[in-house]
Structure formats: C-alpha cells, structure tokens
Amino acid sequence: MGFMDDAKETAKAVGEKIKDTWDDTTDRIGDKADEMKADADVRRAEAERDSVKARNDIKEDLRDDT
C-alpha cells in the first residue's frame, strides 16, 4: 500500500500546486486590470484638466478683448 499512499500524496501536492498557480495568475490579472483602470482614470482626469484650462484661457482672452 506504500505505492498507493505515495501516489495519493503526489497527486495532492500537484493539485495544491495547480491551485496556487491558478490563484497567483488570477491575482496578477486582477492587478493588471486595476492598473489599467487607474491609468485610464488618470488620462481622463488630465484630459478634463486640459479642457478646463483651455476653456478658461478662451474666457480670459474674451475678457481682455472687450
């Protein structure tokens, strides 16, 4: 029965390794998704900032012309 016990332990160890690898991979995917979302949020905020600055510059130019 020693051979069967060794086979069961090996199968269990392989199963745990596969589970750990799966968990690590899903964590990495989630981290990358979070990173991409944060980058998109920054780009959107920068675009909004630039838009507000441009709008304010135009308003200032219009005030100076009158």
Protein backbone atom coordinates (compact mmCIF):
# COMPACT_ATOMS: atom_id res chain seq x y z
CA MET A 1 0.00 0.00 0.00
CA GLY A 2 3.02 2.31 0.22
CA PHE A 3 2.96 2.94 -3.51
CA MET A 4 -0.71 4.00 -3.43
CA ASP A 5 -0.12 6.31 -0.48
CA ASP A 6 2.82 7.92 -2.28
CA ALA A 7 0.71 8.35 -5.41
CA LYS A 8 -2.09 9.98 -3.42
CA GLU A 9 0.33 12.37 -1.72
CA THR A 10 1.93 13.25 -5.03
CA ALA A 11 -1.46 13.86 -6.63
CA LYS A 12 -2.48 16.01 -3.68
CA ALA A 13 0.75 18.04 -3.92
CA VAL A 14 0.27 18.54 -7.67
CA GLY A 15 -3.32 19.63 -7.09
CA GLU A 16 -2.24 22.17 -4.48
CA LYS A 17 0.49 23.49 -6.78
CA ILE A 18 -2.02 23.90 -9.61
CA LYS A 19 -4.42 25.71 -7.26
CA ASP A 20 -1.64 28.02 -6.04
CA THR A 21 -0.59 28.78 -9.62
CA TRP A 22 -4.21 29.49 -10.58
CA ASP A 23 -4.65 31.82 -7.60
CA ASP A 24 -1.43 33.67 -8.43
CA THR A 25 -2.46 34.04 -12.07
CA THR A 26 -5.91 35.39 -11.23
CA ASP A 27 -4.33 37.84 -8.76
CA ARG A 28 -1.92 39.06 -11.44
CA ILE A 29 -4.76 39.51 -13.91
CA GLY A 30 -6.75 41.46 -11.34
CA ASP A 31 -3.74 43.62 -10.51
CA LYS A 32 -3.15 44.39 -14.18
CA ALA A 33 -6.83 45.27 -14.67
CA ASP A 34 -6.68 47.61 -11.67
CA GLU A 35 -3.52 49.21 -13.04
CA MET A 36 -5.09 49.76 -16.46
CA LYS A 37 -8.22 51.27 -14.88
CA ALA A 38 -6.12 53.62 -12.77
CA ASP A 39 -4.15 54.70 -15.84
CA ALA A 40 -7.38 55.35 -17.71
CA ASP A 41 -8.71 57.39 -14.79
CA VAL A 42 -5.53 59.48 -14.77
CA ARG A 43 -5.72 60.10 -18.52
CA ARG A 44 -9.37 61.10 -18.21
CA ALA A 45 -8.60 63.49 -15.34
CA GLU A 46 -5.70 65.02 -17.27
CA ALA A 47 -7.90 65.49 -20.34
CA GLU A 48 -10.57 67.13 -18.20
CA ARG A 49 -7.95 69.40 -16.60
CA ASP A 50 -6.64 70.42 -20.02
CA SER A 51 -10.16 71.07 -21.25
CA VAL A 52 -10.96 73.30 -18.28
CA LYS A 53 -7.69 75.19 -18.73
CA ALA A 54 -8.38 75.73 -22.43
CA ARG A 55 -11.92 76.90 -21.69
CA ASN A 56 -10.65 79.31 -19.02
CA ASP A 57 -7.95 80.63 -21.36
CA ILE A 58 -10.57 81.35 -24.02
CA LYS A 59 -12.77 83.12 -21.48
CA GLU A 60 -9.79 85.18 -20.32
CA ASP A 61 -8.97 86.13 -23.91
CA LEU A 62 -12.57 87.19 -24.48
CA ARG A 63 -12.48 89.36 -21.34
CA ASP A 64 -9.26 91.01 -22.49
CA ASP A 65 -10.74 91.82 -25.92
CA THR A 66 -13.73 93.69 -24.51
